[in-house]
């Protein structure tokens, strides 16, 4: 694990990339409202994907390099956990289609339990965000 100073610089770098992507997207959306065009619409879609990727990278870095006392750590940790669990739930649902009937039931039960956990984590995320903004 990098030293505390290096971790802070890495986190700041990820945060700056995210902010830059958000600013580019906002600028693109303003231009699109003024003069619609296929090129601007496509650029907006591409930028939305880049913002999502930068947000995910920042959250990942914050969870790996930050500490629970770092501002934004808990919302990032819950978001990262939810993102990973959603991915796992999707994979389990896809695998169920190729599974014999008895196995499908077991997978369905596991997916249902996982989805309930995800809902609880989303509630915890909302709570941690509200606490952070209060």
C-alpha atoms as a PDB file:
ATOM      1  CA  UNK A   1       0.000   0.000   0.000  1.00  0.00           C
ATOM      2  CA  UNK A   2       1.365   3.435  -0.902  1.00  0.00           C
ATOM      3  CA  UNK A   3       2.287   5.919   1.802  1.00  0.00           C
ATOM      4  CA  UNK A   4      -0.385   8.288   3.067  1.00  0.00           C
ATOM      5  CA  UNK A   5       0.984  11.189   0.985  1.00  0.00           C
ATOM      6  CA  UNK A   6       1.105   9.137  -2.204  1.00  0.00           C
ATOM      7  CA  UNK A   7      -2.406   7.810  -1.552  1.00  0.00           C
ATOM      8  CA  UNK A   8      -3.701  11.370  -1.122  1.00  0.00           C
ATOM      9  CA  UNK A   9      -2.077  12.462  -4.391  1.00  0.00           C
ATOM     10  CA  UNK A  10      -3.562   9.447  -6.225  1.00  0.00           C
ATOM     11  CA  UNK A  11      -7.004  10.170  -4.796  1.00  0.00           C
ATOM     12  CA  UNK A  12      -6.724  13.838  -5.731  1.00  0.00           C
ATOM     13  CA  UNK A  13      -5.711  12.868  -9.258  1.00  0.00           C
ATOM     14  CA  UNK A  14      -8.740  10.574  -9.639  1.00  0.00           C
ATOM     15  CA  UNK A  15     -10.977  13.284  -8.242  1.00  0.00           C
ATOM     16  CA  UNK A  16      -9.609  15.883 -10.669  1.00  0.00           C
ATOM     17  CA  UNK A  17     -10.133  13.537 -13.625  1.00  0.00           C
ATOM     18  CA  UNK A  18     -13.731  12.984 -12.500  1.00  0.00           C
ATOM     19  CA  UNK A  19     -14.360  16.716 -12.116  1.00  0.00           C
ATOM     20  CA  UNK A  20     -12.849  17.405 -15.543  1.00  0.00           C
ATOM     21  CA  UNK A  21     -15.062  14.775 -17.182  1.00  0.00           C
ATOM     22  CA  UNK A  22     -18.135  16.223 -15.462  1.00  0.00           C
ATOM     23  CA  UNK A  23     -17.250  19.729 -16.677  1.00  0.00           C
ATOM     24  CA  UNK A  24     -16.774  18.471 -20.235  1.00  0.00           C
ATOM     25  CA  UNK A  25     -20.138  16.701 -20.106  1.00  0.00           C
ATOM     26  CA  UNK A  26     -21.891  19.794 -18.716  1.00  0.00           C
ATOM     27  CA  UNK A  27     -20.372  21.937 -21.470  1.00  0.00           C
ATOM     28  CA  UNK A  28     -21.434  19.440 -24.109  1.00  0.00           C
ATOM     29  CA  UNK A  29     -24.983  19.326 -22.733  1.00  0.00           C
ATOM     30  CA  UNK A  30     -25.238  23.150 -22.790  1.00  0.00           C
ATOM     31  CA  UNK A  31     -24.089  23.237 -26.417  1.00  0.00           C
ATOM     32  CA  UNK A  32     -26.528  20.445 -27.301  1.00  0.00           C
ATOM     33  CA  UNK A  33     -29.452  22.440 -25.825  1.00  0.00           C
ATOM     34  CA  UNK A  34     -28.485  25.459 -27.931  1.00  0.00           C
ATOM     35  CA  UNK A  35     -27.939  23.615 -31.196  1.00  0.00           C
ATOM     36  CA  UNK A  36     -28.843  20.007 -31.434  1.00  0.00           C
ATOM     37  CA  UNK A  37     -26.689  17.821 -33.600  1.00  0.00           C
ATOM     38  CA  UNK A  38     -25.897  14.170 -34.017  1.00  0.00           C
ATOM     39  CA  UNK A  39     -22.218  14.781 -33.281  1.00  0.00           C
ATOM     40  CA  UNK A  40     -23.002  16.537 -30.000  1.00  0.00           C
ATOM     41  CA  UNK A  41     -25.436  13.795 -29.001  1.00  0.00           C
ATOM     42  CA  UNK A  42     -22.849  11.090 -29.689  1.00  0.00           C
ATOM     43  CA  UNK A  43     -20.178  13.066 -27.833  1.00  0.00           C
ATOM     44  CA  UNK A  44     -22.560  13.412 -24.883  1.00  0.00           C
ATOM     45  CA  UNK A  45     -23.149   9.658 -24.770  1.00  0.00           C
ATOM     46  CA  UNK A  46     -19.401   9.023 -24.929  1.00  0.00           C
ATOM     47  CA  UNK A  47     -18.742  11.572 -22.183  1.00  0.00           C
ATOM     48  CA  UNK A  48     -21.453  10.032 -19.962  1.00  0.00           C
ATOM     49  CA  UNK A  49     -19.621   6.723 -20.261  1.00  0.00           C
ATOM     50  CA  UNK A  50     -16.331   8.423 -19.415  1.00  0.00           C
ATOM     51  CA  UNK A  51     -17.886  10.118 -16.374  1.00  0.00           C
ATOM     52  CA  UNK A  52     -19.248   6.768 -15.195  1.00  0.00           C
ATOM     53  CA  UNK A  53     -15.813   5.194 -15.646  1.00  0.00           C
ATOM     54  CA  UNK A  54     -14.075   8.052 -13.831  1.00  0.00           C
ATOM     55  CA  UNK A  55     -16.629   7.869 -11.004  1.00  0.00           C
ATOM     56  CA  UNK A  56     -16.029   4.137 -10.662  1.00  0.00           C
ATOM     57  CA  UNK A  57     -12.238   4.607 -10.723  1.00  0.00           C
ATOM     58  CA  UNK A  58     -12.440   7.320  -8.055  1.00  0.00           C
ATOM     59  CA  UNK A  59     -14.684   5.200  -5.842  1.00  0.00           C
ATOM     60  CA  UNK A  60     -12.376   2.221  -6.230  1.00  0.00           C
ATOM     61  CA  UNK A  61      -9.313   4.296  -5.396  1.00  0.00           C
ATOM     62  CA  UNK A  62     -11.047   5.845  -2.389  1.00  0.00           C
ATOM     63  CA  UNK A  63     -12.007   2.421  -1.040  1.00  0.00           C
ATOM     64  CA  UNK A  64      -8.524   0.974  -1.651  1.00  0.00           C
ATOM     65  CA  UNK A  65      -6.407   3.955  -0.623  1.00  0.00           C
ATOM     66  CA  UNK A  66      -8.610   5.997   1.671  1.00  0.00           C
ATOM     67  CA  UNK A  67      -9.419   5.424   5.287  1.00  0.00           C
ATOM     68  CA  UNK A  68     -12.820   5.387   6.979  1.00  0.00           C
ATOM     69  CA  UNK A  69     -12.053   8.890   8.261  1.00  0.00           C
ATOM     70  CA  UNK A  70     -11.555  10.190   4.687  1.00  0.00           C
ATOM     71  CA  UNK A  71     -14.465  12.404   3.607  1.00  0.00           C
ATOM     72  CA  UNK A  72     -16.703  10.445   1.268  1.00  0.00           C
ATOM     73  CA  UNK A  73     -15.224   7.062   2.191  1.00  0.00           C
ATOM     74  CA  UNK A  74     -18.438   5.393   3.364  1.00  0.00           C
ATOM     75  CA  UNK A  75     -20.613   6.473   0.435  1.00  0.00           C
ATOM     76  CA  UNK A  76     -17.847   5.301  -1.912  1.00  0.00           C
ATOM     77  CA  UNK A  77     -17.508   2.000  -0.037  1.00  0.00           C
ATOM     78  CA  UNK A  78     -21.245   1.322  -0.189  1.00  0.00           C
ATOM     79  CA  UNK A  79     -21.414   2.360  -3.860  1.00  0.00           C
ATOM     80  CA  UNK A  80     -18.498   0.089  -4.704  1.00  0.00           C
ATOM     81  CA  UNK A  81     -20.066  -2.792  -2.799  1.00  0.00           C
ATOM     82  CA  UNK A  82     -23.437  -2.276  -4.489  1.00  0.00           C
ATOM     83  CA  UNK A  83     -21.823  -2.072  -7.920  1.00  0.00           C
ATOM     84  CA  UNK A  84     -19.950  -5.354  -7.381  1.00  0.00           C
ATOM     85  CA  UNK A  85     -23.032  -7.090  -5.947  1.00  0.00           C
ATOM     86  CA  UNK A  86     -25.212  -5.906  -8.864  1.00  0.00           C
ATOM     87  CA  UNK A  87     -22.644  -7.355 -11.255  1.00  0.00           C
ATOM     88  CA  UNK A  88     -22.654 -10.666  -9.361  1.00  0.00           C
ATOM     89  CA  UNK A  89     -26.463 -10.747  -9.316  1.00  0.00           C
ATOM     90  CA  UNK A  90     -26.542 -10.257 -13.083  1.00  0.00           C
ATOM     91  CA  UNK A  91     -24.028 -13.044 -13.606  1.00  0.00           C
ATOM     92  CA  UNK A  92     -26.031 -15.392 -11.394  1.00  0.00           C
ATOM     93  CA  UNK A  93     -29.234 -14.600 -13.299  1.00  0.00           C
ATOM     94  CA  UNK A  94     -27.465 -15.330 -16.599  1.00  0.00           C
ATOM     95  CA  UNK A  95     -26.044 -18.582 -15.264  1.00  0.00           C
ATOM     96  CA  UNK A  96     -29.484 -19.724 -14.114  1.00  0.00           C
ATOM     97  CA  UNK A  97     -30.642 -20.041 -17.721  1.00  0.00           C
ATOM     98  CA  UNK A  98     -28.063 -22.778 -18.397  1.00  0.00           C
ATOM     99  CA  UNK A  99     -28.674 -24.612 -15.115  1.00  0.00           C
ATOM    100  CA  UNK A 100     -30.956 -27.637 -14.633  1.00  0.00           C
ATOM    101  CA  UNK A 101     -34.332 -26.915 -13.004  1.00  0.00           C
ATOM    102  CA  UNK A 102     -33.307 -27.915  -9.432  1.00  0.00           C
ATOM    103  CA  UNK A 103     -30.172 -25.777  -9.658  1.00  0.00           C
ATOM    104  CA  UNK A 104     -32.175 -22.865 -11.043  1.00  0.00           C
ATOM    105  CA  UNK A 105     -34.289 -22.767  -7.894  1.00  0.00           C
ATOM    106  CA  UNK A 106     -31.170 -22.627  -5.694  1.00  0.00           C
ATOM    107  CA  UNK A 107     -29.712 -19.841  -7.800  1.00  0.00           C
ATOM    108  CA  UNK A 108     -33.017 -17.938  -7.683  1.00  0.00           C
ATOM    109  CA  UNK A 109     -32.990 -18.113  -3.887  1.00  0.00           C
ATOM    110  CA  UNK A 110     -29.376 -16.885  -3.777  1.00  0.00           C
ATOM    111  CA  UNK A 111     -30.170 -14.042  -6.183  1.00  0.00           C
ATOM    112  CA  UNK A 112     -33.182 -13.023  -4.104  1.00  0.00           C
ATOM    113  CA  UNK A 113     -31.077 -12.917  -0.936  1.00  0.00           C
ATOM    114  CA  UNK A 114     -28.342 -10.974  -2.712  1.00  0.00           C
ATOM    115  CA  UNK A 115     -30.884  -8.493  -4.060  1.00  0.00           C
ATOM    116  CA  UNK A 116     -32.247  -7.979  -0.532  1.00  0.00           C
ATOM    117  CA  UNK A 117     -28.716  -7.271   0.704  1.00  0.00           C
ATOM    118  CA  UNK A 118     -28.191  -4.830  -2.146  1.00  0.00           C
ATOM    119  CA  UNK A 119     -31.389  -3.003  -1.149  1.00  0.00           C
ATOM    120  CA  UNK A 120     -30.162  -2.789   2.456  1.00  0.00           C
ATOM    121  CA  UNK A 121     -26.801  -1.459   1.282  1.00  0.00           C
ATOM    122  CA  UNK A 122     -28.562   1.143  -0.869  1.00  0.00           C
ATOM    123  CA  UNK A 123     -30.516   2.263   2.205  1.00  0.00           C
ATOM    124  CA  UNK A 124     -27.243   2.484   4.166  1.00  0.00           C
ATOM    125  CA  UNK A 125     -25.709   4.471   1.303  1.00  0.00           C
ATOM    126  CA  UNK A 126     -28.584   6.952   1.364  1.00  0.00           C
ATOM    127  CA  UNK A 127     -28.224   7.266   5.132  1.00  0.00           C
ATOM    128  CA  UNK A 128     -24.467   7.839   4.935  1.00  0.00           C
ATOM    129  CA  UNK A 129     -24.943  10.478   2.244  1.00  0.00           C
ATOM    130  CA  UNK A 130     -27.598  12.253   4.301  1.00  0.00           C
ATOM    131  CA  UNK A 131     -25.339  12.162   7.360  1.00  0.00           C
ATOM    132  CA  UNK A 132     -22.429  13.533   5.342  1.00  0.00           C
ATOM    133  CA  UNK A 133     -24.505  16.451   4.064  1.00  0.00           C
ATOM    134  CA  UNK A 134     -26.146  17.238   7.406  1.00  0.00           C
END
